[in-house]
PDB file of N, CA and C in Angstrom:
ATOM      1  N   MET A   1      27.824-106.292-101.331  1.00  0.00           N
ATOM      2  CA  MET A   1      26.542-105.617-101.229  1.00  0.00           C
ATOM      3  C   MET A   1      25.805-105.452-102.673  1.00  0.00           C
ATOM      4  N   GLN A   2      24.566-105.633-102.772  1.00  0.00           N
ATOM      5  CA  GLN A   2      24.086-105.112-104.147  1.00  0.00           C
ATOM      6  C   GLN A   2      23.683-104.074-104.209  1.00  0.00           C
ATOM      7  N   PRO A   3      23.683-103.167-105.258  1.00  0.00           N
ATOM      8  CA  PRO A   3      23.287-102.120-105.222  1.00  0.00           C
ATOM      9  C   PRO A   3      21.675-101.411-104.819  1.00  0.00           C
ATOM     10  N   GLY A   4      20.899-102.532-104.964  1.00  0.00           N
ATOM     11  CA  GLY A   4      19.811-102.128-104.568  1.00  0.00           C
ATOM     12  C   GLY A   4      19.691-102.121-103.013  1.00  0.00           C
ATOM     13  N   VAL A   5      20.353-102.876-102.434  1.00  0.00           N
ATOM     14  CA  VAL A   5      20.343-102.915-100.963  1.00  0.00           C
ATOM     15  C   VAL A   5      21.091-101.526-100.315  1.00  0.00           C
ATOM     16  N   ILE A   6      22.216-101.417-100.798  1.00  0.00           N
ATOM     17  CA  ILE A   6      22.915 -99.993-100.694  1.00  0.00           C
ATOM     18  C   ILE A   6      21.797 -98.829-100.887  1.00  0.00           C
ATOM     19  N   ALA A   7      21.225 -98.745-101.857  1.00  0.00           N
ATOM     20  CA  ALA A   7      20.289 -97.606-102.112  1.00  0.00           C
ATOM     21  C   ALA A   7      19.183 -97.703-101.126  1.00  0.00           C
ATOM     22  N   LYS A   8      18.789 -98.867-101.053  1.00  0.00           N
ATOM     23  CA  LYS A   8      17.627 -98.660 -99.867  1.00  0.00           C
ATOM     24  C   LYS A   8      18.075 -98.322 -98.413  1.00  0.00           C
ATOM     25  N   ALA A   9      19.487 -98.776 -98.187  1.00  0.00           N
ATOM     26  CA  ALA A   9      20.063 -98.494 -96.354  1.00  0.00           C
ATOM     27  C   ALA A   9      20.417 -97.025 -96.489  1.00  0.00           C
ATOM     28  N   ILE A  10      20.901 -96.291 -97.757  1.00  0.00           N
ATOM     29  CA  ILE A  10      21.130 -94.920 -97.724  1.00  0.00           C
ATOM     30  C   ILE A  10      19.911 -93.910 -98.251  1.00  0.00           C
ATOM     31  N   CYS A  11      18.516 -94.501 -98.269  1.00  0.00           N
ATOM     32  CA  CYS A  11      17.471 -94.013 -98.711  1.00  0.00           C
ATOM     33  C   CYS A  11      17.599 -93.211 -99.924  1.00  0.00           C
ATOM     34  N   ILE A  12      17.860 -93.810-100.795  1.00  0.00           N
ATOM     35  CA  ILE A  12      17.826 -93.244-102.200  1.00  0.00           C
ATOM     36  C   ILE A  12      17.355 -93.905-103.261  1.00  0.00           C
ATOM     37  N   ALA A  13      16.961 -93.673-104.415  1.00  0.00           N
ATOM     38  CA  ALA A  13      16.368 -94.715-105.457  1.00  0.00           C
ATOM     39  C   ALA A  13      17.801 -95.152-105.960  1.00  0.00           C
ATOM     40  N   LEU A  14      17.597 -96.377-106.539  1.00  0.00           N
ATOM     41  CA  LEU A  14      18.421 -97.124-107.271  1.00  0.00           C
ATOM     42  C   LEU A  14      18.833 -96.152-108.295  1.00  0.00           C
ATOM     43  N   SER A  15      18.380 -95.844-109.220  1.00  0.00           N
ATOM     44  CA  SER A  15      18.848 -94.682-110.201  1.00  0.00           C
ATOM     45  C   SER A  15      19.558 -93.495-110.077  1.00  0.00           C
ATOM     46  N   THR A  16      19.207 -93.085-108.722  1.00  0.00           N
ATOM     47  CA  THR A  16      20.075 -92.081-108.288  1.00  0.00           C
ATOM     48  C   THR A  16      21.585 -92.579-107.782  1.00  0.00           C
ATOM     49  N   LEU A  17      21.476 -93.841-107.101  1.00  0.00           N
ATOM     50  CA  LEU A  17      22.527 -94.313-106.649  1.00  0.00           C
ATOM     51  C   LEU A  17      23.527 -94.476-107.971  1.00  0.00           C
ATOM     52  N   ALA A  18      22.588 -94.974-109.082  1.00  0.00           N
ATOM     53  CA  ALA A  18      23.716 -95.178-110.136  1.00  0.00           C
ATOM     54  C   ALA A  18      24.271 -94.401-110.509  1.00  0.00           C
ATOM     55  N   ARG A  19      23.476 -92.825-110.840  1.00  0.00           N
ATOM     56  CA  ARG A  19      24.059 -91.691-111.194  1.00  0.00           C
ATOM     57  C   ARG A  19      25.097 -90.695-110.437  1.00  0.00           C
ATOM     58  N   ARG A  20      24.790 -91.170-109.021  1.00  0.00           N
ATOM     59  CA  ARG A  20      25.968 -91.001-108.422  1.00  0.00           C
ATOM     60  C   ARG A  20      27.421 -91.558-108.467  1.00  0.00           C
ATOM     61  N   ALA A  21      27.192 -92.618-108.400  1.00  0.00           N
ATOM     62  CA  ALA A  21      28.353 -93.733-108.523  1.00  0.00           C
ATOM     63  C   ALA A  21      29.016 -93.206-109.822  1.00  0.00           C
ATOM     64  N   LYS A  22      28.325 -92.916-110.975  1.00  0.00           N
ATOM     65  CA  LYS A  22      28.805 -92.872-112.348  1.00  0.00           C
ATOM     66  C   LYS A  22      29.917 -91.355-112.168  1.00  0.00           C
ATOM     67  N   VAL A  23      29.274 -90.435-111.728  1.00  0.00           N
ATOM     68  CA  VAL A  23      30.017 -89.213-111.167  1.00  0.00           C
ATOM     69  C   VAL A  23      30.799 -89.078-110.115  1.00  0.00           C
ATOM     70  N   MET A  24      30.677 -90.041-109.276  1.00  0.00           N
ATOM     71  CA  MET A  24      31.330 -90.068-107.630  1.00  0.00           C
ATOM     72  C   MET A  24      31.081 -89.179-107.101  1.00  0.00           C
ATOM     73  N   ARG A  25      30.252 -88.642-107.069  1.00  0.00           N
ATOM     74  CA  ARG A  25      29.756 -87.731-106.128  1.00  0.00           C
ATOM     75  C   ARG A  25      28.362 -87.737-105.533  1.00  0.00           C
ATOM     76  N   PHE A  26      28.507 -87.406-104.085  1.00  0.00           N
ATOM     77  CA  PHE A  26      27.064 -87.967-103.307  1.00  0.00           C
ATOM     78  C   PHE A  26      26.778 -86.678-102.802  1.00  0.00           C
ATOM     79  N   ASN A  27      25.485 -85.971-102.318  1.00  0.00           N
ATOM     80  CA  ASN A  27      25.355 -84.849-101.594  1.00  0.00           C
ATOM     81  C   ASN A  27      25.580 -85.102-100.360  1.00  0.00           C
ATOM     82  N   ALA A  28      25.618 -84.154 -99.381  1.00  0.00           N
ATOM     83  CA  ALA A  28      26.076 -84.344 -97.610  1.00  0.00           C
ATOM     84  C   ALA A  28      25.280 -85.208 -97.179  1.00  0.00           C
ATOM     85  N   LEU A  29      24.122 -85.274 -97.224  1.00  0.00           N
ATOM     86  CA  LEU A  29      23.256 -86.323 -96.473  1.00  0.00           C
ATOM     87  C   LEU A  29      23.611 -87.526 -96.944  1.00  0.00           C
ATOM     88  N   GLU A  30      23.384 -88.020 -98.539  1.00  0.00           N
ATOM     89  CA  GLU A  30      23.803 -89.499 -98.979  1.00  0.00           C
ATOM     90  C   GLU A  30      25.377 -89.929 -98.626  1.00  0.00           C
ATOM     91  N   SER A  31      26.083 -88.849 -98.416  1.00  0.00           N
ATOM     92  CA  SER A  31      27.618 -89.374 -98.157  1.00  0.00           C
ATOM     93  C   SER A  31      27.574 -89.610 -96.664  1.00  0.00           C
ATOM     94  N   ASP A  32      26.718 -89.022 -95.627  1.00  0.00           N
ATOM     95  CA  ASP A  32      26.854 -89.426 -94.571  1.00  0.00           C
ATOM     96  C   ASP A  32      26.301 -90.579 -94.155  1.00  0.00           C
ATOM     97  N   ARG A  33      25.215 -90.902 -94.789  1.00  0.00           N
ATOM     98  CA  ARG A  33      24.559 -92.340 -94.650  1.00  0.00           C
ATOM     99  C   ARG A  33      25.581 -93.439 -95.221  1.00  0.00           C
ATOM    100  N   LEU A  34      26.112 -92.894 -96.671  1.00  0.00           N
ATOM    101  CA  LEU A  34      27.033 -94.199 -96.994  1.00  0.00           C
ATOM    102  C   LEU A  34      28.209 -94.340 -96.356  1.00  0.00           C
ATOM    103  N   VAL A  35      28.577 -93.207 -95.319  1.00  0.00           N
ATOM    104  CA  VAL A  35      29.584 -93.509 -94.442  1.00  0.00           C
ATOM    105  C   VAL A  35      29.162 -94.470 -93.345  1.00  0.00           C
ATOM    106  N   ALA A  36      27.778 -94.305 -93.010  1.00  0.00           N
ATOM    107  CA  ALA A  36      27.594 -94.972 -91.576  1.00  0.00           C
ATOM    108  C   ALA A  36      27.272 -96.421 -92.076  1.00  0.00           C
ATOM    109  N   LEU A  37      26.883 -96.644 -93.328  1.00  0.00           N
ATOM    110  CA  LEU A  37      26.498 -98.063 -93.689  1.00  0.00           C
ATOM    111  C   LEU A  37      27.628 -98.609 -93.817  1.00  0.00           C
ATOM    112  N   VAL A  38      29.021 -97.788 -93.991  1.00  0.00           N
ATOM    113  CA  VAL A  38      30.421 -98.686 -94.374  1.00  0.00           C
ATOM    114  C   VAL A  38      30.644 -99.058 -92.920  1.00  0.00           C
ATOM    115  N   ALA A  39      30.189 -98.128 -91.947  1.00  0.00           N
ATOM    116  CA  ALA A  39      30.797 -98.303 -90.664  1.00  0.00           C
ATOM    117  C   ALA A  39      29.909 -99.597 -89.828  1.00  0.00           C
ATOM    118  N   VAL A  40      28.986 -99.571 -90.484  1.00  0.00           N
ATOM    119  CA  VAL A  40      28.088-100.431 -89.299  1.00  0.00           C
ATOM    120  C   VAL A  40      28.359-101.679 -89.912  1.00  0.00           C
ATOM    121  N   VAL A  41      28.557-101.951 -91.589  1.00  0.00           N
ATOM    122  CA  VAL A  41      29.160-103.291 -92.020  1.00  0.00           C
ATOM    123  C   VAL A  41      30.321-103.732 -91.648  1.00  0.00           C
ATOM    124  N   GLU A  42      31.207-102.666 -91.636  1.00  0.00           N
ATOM    125  CA  GLU A  42      32.534-103.239 -90.898  1.00  0.00           C
ATOM    126  C   GLU A  42      32.760-103.796 -89.700  1.00  0.00           C
ATOM    127  N   GLU A  43      31.940-103.108 -88.736  1.00  0.00           N
ATOM    128  CA  GLU A  43      31.647-103.749 -87.455  1.00  0.00           C
ATOM    129  C   GLU A  43      30.797-105.146 -87.215  1.00  0.00           C
ATOM    130  N   ALA A  44      29.951-105.165 -88.072  1.00  0.00           N
ATOM    131  CA  ALA A  44      29.129-106.362 -88.021  1.00  0.00           C
ATOM    132  C   ALA A  44      30.046-107.532 -88.844  1.00  0.00           C
ATOM    133  N   PHE A  45      31.004-107.208 -89.748  1.00  0.00           N
ATOM    134  CA  PHE A  45      31.982-108.254 -90.473  1.00  0.00           C
ATOM    135  C   PHE A  45      33.031-108.472 -89.249  1.00  0.00           C
ATOM    136  N   SER A  46      33.377-107.314 -88.590  1.00  0.00           N
ATOM    137  CA  SER A  46      34.276-107.912 -87.388  1.00  0.00           C
ATOM    138  C   SER A  46      33.765-108.335 -86.353  1.00  0.00           C
ATOM    139  N   LEU A  47      32.289-108.523 -85.932  1.00  0.00           N
ATOM    140  CA  LEU A  47      31.592-109.234 -85.050  1.00  0.00           C
ATOM    141  C   LEU A  47      31.776-110.400 -85.360  1.00  0.00           C
ATOM    142  N   SER A  48      31.541-110.835 -86.625  1.00  0.00           N
ATOM    143  CA  SER A  48      31.113-112.010 -87.179  1.00  0.00           C
ATOM    144  C   SER A  48      32.521-112.818 -87.541  1.00  0.00           C
ATOM    145  N   GLU A  49      33.888-112.441 -87.108  1.00  0.00           N
ATOM    146  CA  GLU A  49      34.915-112.950 -86.759  1.00  0.00           C
ATOM    147  C   GLU A  49      35.244-113.112 -88.789  1.00  0.00           C
ATOM    148  N   ASN A  50      34.944-112.034 -89.398  1.00  0.00           N
ATOM    149  CA  ASN A  50      35.209-112.116 -90.857  1.00  0.00           C
ATOM    150  C   ASN A  50      34.529-112.812 -91.837  1.00  0.00           C
ATOM    151  N   ASP A  51      33.535-113.333 -91.131  1.00  0.00           N
ATOM    152  CA  ASP A  51      32.390-114.118 -91.991  1.00  0.00           C
ATOM    153  C   ASP A  51      31.407-113.472 -93.081  1.00  0.00           C
ATOM    154  N   VAL A  52      31.857-113.222 -94.035  1.00  0.00           N
ATOM    155  CA  VAL A  52      30.920-112.485 -94.941  1.00  0.00           C
ATOM    156  C   VAL A  52      29.262-112.798 -95.004  1.00  0.00           C
ATOM    157  N   ALA A  53      29.132-114.151 -95.093  1.00  0.00           N
ATOM    158  CA  ALA A  53      27.980-114.331 -94.879  1.00  0.00           C
ATOM    159  C   ALA A  53      27.137-114.436 -93.533  1.00  0.00           C
ATOM    160  N   ALA A  54      27.724-114.537 -92.634  1.00  0.00           N
ATOM    161  CA  ALA A  54      27.060-114.178 -91.275  1.00  0.00           C
ATOM    162  C   ALA A  54      26.756-112.897 -91.126  1.00  0.00           C
ATOM    163  N   ALA A  55      27.898-112.016 -91.317  1.00  0.00           N
ATOM    164  CA  ALA A  55      27.620-110.569 -91.210  1.00  0.00           C
ATOM    165  C   ALA A  55      26.306-110.094 -91.923  1.00  0.00           C
ATOM    166  N   THR A  56      26.239-110.534 -93.340  1.00  0.00           N
ATOM    167  CA  THR A  56      25.184-110.110 -94.147  1.00  0.00           C
ATOM    168  C   THR A  56      23.993-110.757 -93.557  1.00  0.00           C
ATOM    169  N   GLU A  57      24.139-111.996 -92.993  1.00  0.00           N
ATOM    170  CA  GLU A  57      22.544-112.665 -92.318  1.00  0.00           C
ATOM    171  C   GLU A  57      21.894-111.742 -91.386  1.00  0.00           C
ATOM    172  N   TRP A  58      23.287-111.371 -90.434  1.00  0.00           N
ATOM    173  CA  TRP A  58      23.103-110.485 -89.450  1.00  0.00           C
ATOM    174  C   TRP A  58      22.193-109.146 -89.794  1.00  0.00           C
ATOM    175  N   MET A  59      23.003-108.583 -90.283  1.00  0.00           N
ATOM    176  CA  MET A  59      22.527-107.173 -91.259  1.00  0.00           C
ATOM    177  C   MET A  59      20.793-107.443 -91.712  1.00  0.00           C
ATOM    178  N   ILE A  60      20.552-108.239 -92.033  1.00  0.00           N
ATOM    179  CA  ILE A  60      19.202-108.312 -92.828  1.00  0.00           C
ATOM    180  C   ILE A  60      18.221-108.997 -92.256  1.00  0.00           C
ATOM    181  N   SER A  61      18.670-109.475 -90.867  1.00  0.00           N
ATOM    182  CA  SER A  61      17.689-110.051 -90.022  1.00  0.00           C
ATOM    183  C   SER A  61      17.246-109.387 -88.769  1.00  0.00           C
ATOM    184  N   PRO A  62      15.984-109.634 -88.094  1.00  0.00           N
ATOM    185  CA  PRO A  62      15.354-109.009 -87.205  1.00  0.00           C
ATOM    186  C   PRO A  62      16.168-109.386 -86.100  1.00  0.00           C
ATOM    187  N   VAL A  63      16.977-108.105 -85.027  1.00  0.00           N
ATOM    188  CA  VAL A  63      17.469-108.586 -83.732  1.00  0.00           C
ATOM    189  C   VAL A  63      16.672-107.836 -82.750  1.00  0.00           C
ATOM    190  N   ARG A  64      16.581-108.863 -81.756  1.00  0.00           N
ATOM    191  CA  ARG A  64      15.819-108.368 -80.697  1.00  0.00           C
ATOM    192  C   ARG A  64      16.073-107.209 -79.801  1.00  0.00           C
ATOM    193  N   GLY A  65      17.682-107.245 -79.797  1.00  0.00           N
ATOM    194  CA  GLY A  65      18.045-105.785 -79.122  1.00  0.00           C
ATOM    195  C   GLY A  65      18.044-104.437 -79.886  1.00  0.00           C
ATOM    196  N   LEU A  66      17.496-104.709 -81.362  1.00  0.00           N
ATOM    197  CA  LEU A  66      17.461-103.446 -81.857  1.00  0.00           C
ATOM    198  C   LEU A  66      15.666-103.438 -82.284  1.00  0.00           C
ATOM    199  N   ASP A  67      14.878-103.829 -81.165  1.00  0.00           N
ATOM    200  CA  ASP A  67      13.345-103.731 -81.450  1.00  0.00           C
ATOM    201  C   ASP A  67      12.849-104.443 -82.405  1.00  0.00           C
ATOM    202  N   SER A  68      13.573-105.720 -82.625  1.00  0.00           N
ATOM    203  CA  SER A  68      13.372-106.765 -83.532  1.00  0.00           C
ATOM    204  C   SER A  68      13.350-106.014 -84.993  1.00  0.00           C
ATOM    205  N   LYS A  69      14.102-105.016 -85.074  1.00  0.00           N
ATOM    206  CA  LYS A  69      14.643-104.556 -86.593  1.00  0.00           C
ATOM    207  C   LYS A  69      15.760-104.798 -87.388  1.00  0.00           C
ATOM    208  N   CYS A  70      15.723-105.058 -88.452  1.00  0.00           N
ATOM    209  CA  CYS A  70      17.013-105.151 -89.231  1.00  0.00           C
ATOM    210  C   CYS A  70      18.244-104.197 -89.147  1.00  0.00           C
ATOM    211  N   PRO A  71      19.219-104.517 -88.526  1.00  0.00           N
ATOM    212  CA  PRO A  71      20.100-103.193 -88.629  1.00  0.00           C
ATOM    213  C   PRO A  71      20.494-102.560 -89.735  1.00  0.00           C
ATOM    214  N   LEU A  72      20.375-103.105 -91.000  1.00  0.00           N
ATOM    215  CA  LEU A  72      20.346-102.804 -92.155  1.00  0.00           C
ATOM    216  C   LEU A  72      19.109-101.470 -92.445  1.00  0.00           C
ATOM    217  N   HIS A  73      18.219-101.798 -92.022  1.00  0.00           N
ATOM    218  CA  HIS A  73      16.787-101.203 -92.279  1.00  0.00           C
ATOM    219  C   HIS A  73      16.821 -99.670 -91.347  1.00  0.00           C
ATOM    220  N   ILE A  74      17.585 -99.633 -90.352  1.00  0.00           N
ATOM    221  CA  ILE A  74      17.482 -98.628 -89.518  1.00  0.00           C
ATOM    222  C   ILE A  74      18.846 -97.797 -89.700  1.00  0.00           C
ATOM    223  N   LEU A  75      19.270 -97.350 -90.564  1.00  0.00           N
ATOM    224  CA  LEU A  75      20.321 -96.533 -90.587  1.00  0.00           C
ATOM    225  C   LEU A  75      19.880 -95.147 -90.972  1.00  0.00           C
ATOM    226  N   GLU A  76      18.788 -94.651 -90.950  1.00  0.00           N
ATOM    227  CA  GLU A  76      18.171 -93.163 -91.757  1.00  0.00           C
ATOM    228  C   GLU A  76      19.079 -92.052 -91.066  1.00  0.00           C
ATOM    229  N   THR A  77      19.189 -92.190 -89.601  1.00  0.00           N
ATOM    230  CA  THR A  77      19.402 -91.052 -88.800  1.00  0.00           C
ATOM    231  C   THR A  77      20.996 -91.681 -87.962  1.00  0.00           C
ATOM    232  N   ARG A  78      21.562 -90.563 -87.768  1.00  0.00           N
ATOM    233  CA  ARG A  78      22.618 -90.723 -87.064  1.00  0.00           C
ATOM    234  C   ARG A  78      22.403 -91.529 -85.509  1.00  0.00           C
ATOM    235  N   VAL A  79      21.419 -90.959 -84.950  1.00  0.00           N
ATOM    236  CA  VAL A  79      20.953 -91.770 -83.593  1.00  0.00           C
ATOM    237  C   VAL A  79      20.664 -93.213 -83.740  1.00  0.00           C
ATOM    238  N   GLU A  80      19.738 -93.683 -85.135  1.00  0.00           N
ATOM    239  CA  GLU A  80      19.882 -95.074 -85.161  1.00  0.00           C
ATOM    240  C   GLU A  80      21.141 -95.890 -85.669  1.00  0.00           C
ATOM    241  N   THR A  81      21.883 -95.222 -86.409  1.00  0.00           N
ATOM    242  CA  THR A  81      23.161 -95.861 -86.959  1.00  0.00           C
ATOM    243  C   THR A  81      24.067 -96.004 -85.434  1.00  0.00           C
ATOM    244  N   GLU A  82      23.854 -95.208 -84.606  1.00  0.00           N
ATOM    245  CA  GLU A  82      24.878 -95.186 -83.214  1.00  0.00           C
ATOM    246  C   GLU A  82      24.160 -96.264 -82.724  1.00  0.00           C
ATOM    247  N   ALA A  83      22.984 -96.456 -82.507  1.00  0.00           N
ATOM    248  CA  ALA A  83      22.187 -97.271 -81.854  1.00  0.00           C
ATOM    249  C   ALA A  83      22.758 -98.611 -82.260  1.00  0.00           C
ATOM    250  N   VAL A  84      22.707 -99.015 -83.629  1.00  0.00           N
ATOM    251  CA  VAL A  84      23.281-100.271 -84.107  1.00  0.00           C
ATOM    252  C   VAL A  84      24.661-100.660 -83.768  1.00  0.00           C
ATOM    253  N   LEU A  85      25.668 -99.297 -83.936  1.00  0.00           N
ATOM    254  CA  LEU A  85      27.093 -99.454 -83.614  1.00  0.00           C
ATOM    255  C   LEU A  85      27.191 -99.903 -81.983  1.00  0.00           C
ATOM    256  N   ASP A  86      26.252 -99.175 -81.170  1.00  0.00           N
ATOM    257  CA  ASP A  86      26.314 -99.382 -79.847  1.00  0.00           C
ATOM    258  C   ASP A  86      25.903-100.920 -79.535  1.00  0.00           C
ATOM    259  N   PHE A  87      25.057-101.148 -80.193  1.00  0.00           N
ATOM    260  CA  PHE A  87      24.725-102.593 -80.036  1.00  0.00           C
ATOM    261  C   PHE A  87      25.834-103.742 -80.443  1.00  0.00           C
ATOM    262  N   ILE A  88      26.198-103.390 -81.622  1.00  0.00           N
ATOM    263  CA  ILE A  88      27.464-104.566 -81.944  1.00  0.00           C
ATOM    264  C   ILE A  88      28.470-104.329 -80.988  1.00  0.00           C
ATOM    265  N   GLY A  89      28.785-103.138 -80.619  1.00  0.00           N
ATOM    266  CA  GLY A  89      29.913-102.989 -79.390  1.00  0.00           C
ATOM    267  C   GLY A  89      29.437-103.857 -78.062  1.00  0.00           C
ATOM    268  N   ARG A  90      28.199-103.679 -77.643  1.00  0.00           N
ATOM    269  CA  ARG A  90      27.696-104.590 -76.438  1.00  0.00           C
ATOM    270  C   ARG A  90      28.138-106.045 -76.583  1.00  0.00           C
ATOM    271  N   LEU A  91      27.398-106.493 -78.007  1.00  0.00           N
ATOM    272  CA  LEU A  91      27.741-107.918 -78.208  1.00  0.00           C
ATOM    273  C   LEU A  91      29.116-108.340 -78.314  1.00  0.00           C
ATOM    274  N   ASP A  92      30.137-107.451 -78.553  1.00  0.00           N
ATOM    275  CA  ASP A  92      31.462-107.625 -79.079  1.00  0.00           C
ATOM    276  C   ASP A  92      31.931-108.030 -77.421  1.00  0.00           C
ATOM    277  N   ARG A  93      31.478-107.006 -76.578  1.00  0.00           N
ATOM    278  CA  ARG A  93      31.694-107.040 -74.948  1.00  0.00           C
ATOM    279  C   ARG A  93      31.262-108.352 -74.342  1.00  0.00           C
ATOM    280  N   GLY A  94      30.226-108.742 -74.822  1.00  0.00           N
ATOM    281  CA  GLY A  94      29.657-109.813 -73.994  1.00  0.00           C
ATOM    282  C   GLY A  94      28.018-109.214 -73.335  1.00  0.00           C
ATOM    283  N   VAL A  95      28.275-107.784 -73.487  1.00  0.00           N
ATOM    284  CA  VAL A  95      27.217-107.227 -72.596  1.00  0.00           C
ATOM    285  C   VAL A  95      25.636-107.469 -73.115  1.00  0.00           C
ATOM    286  N   LEU A  96      24.822-107.992 -72.647  1.00  0.00           N
ATOM    287  CA  LEU A  96      23.450-108.165 -73.467  1.00  0.00           C
ATOM    288  C   LEU A  96      22.408-107.334 -72.655  1.00  0.00           C
ATOM    289  N   ALA A  97      22.364-106.850 -71.658  1.00  0.00           N
ATOM    290  CA  ALA A  97      21.521-106.105 -71.246  1.00  0.00           C
ATOM    291  C   ALA A  97      21.805-104.417 -71.553  1.00  0.00           C
TER     292      ALA A  97
END
């Protein structure tokens, strides 16, 4: 995943991401958002049967079950992240409603 995409997903500037990555230290909020991003990406990867291209496309595409929002763009809060993870779980189990 491109650094700019990661920065946007965890709601920080690209320059801030570069500084934080260099010293390998994020603040608590950034760390929480980064962990959430990793969890969602892992689940999307699993849902797409380990197809990186399919998982990436799903993450950046509007999803009807998420009010036509891109999963990658709605990870700002724990509630939004849980909604994405819940939706992935429902898709994995075949529960669409």
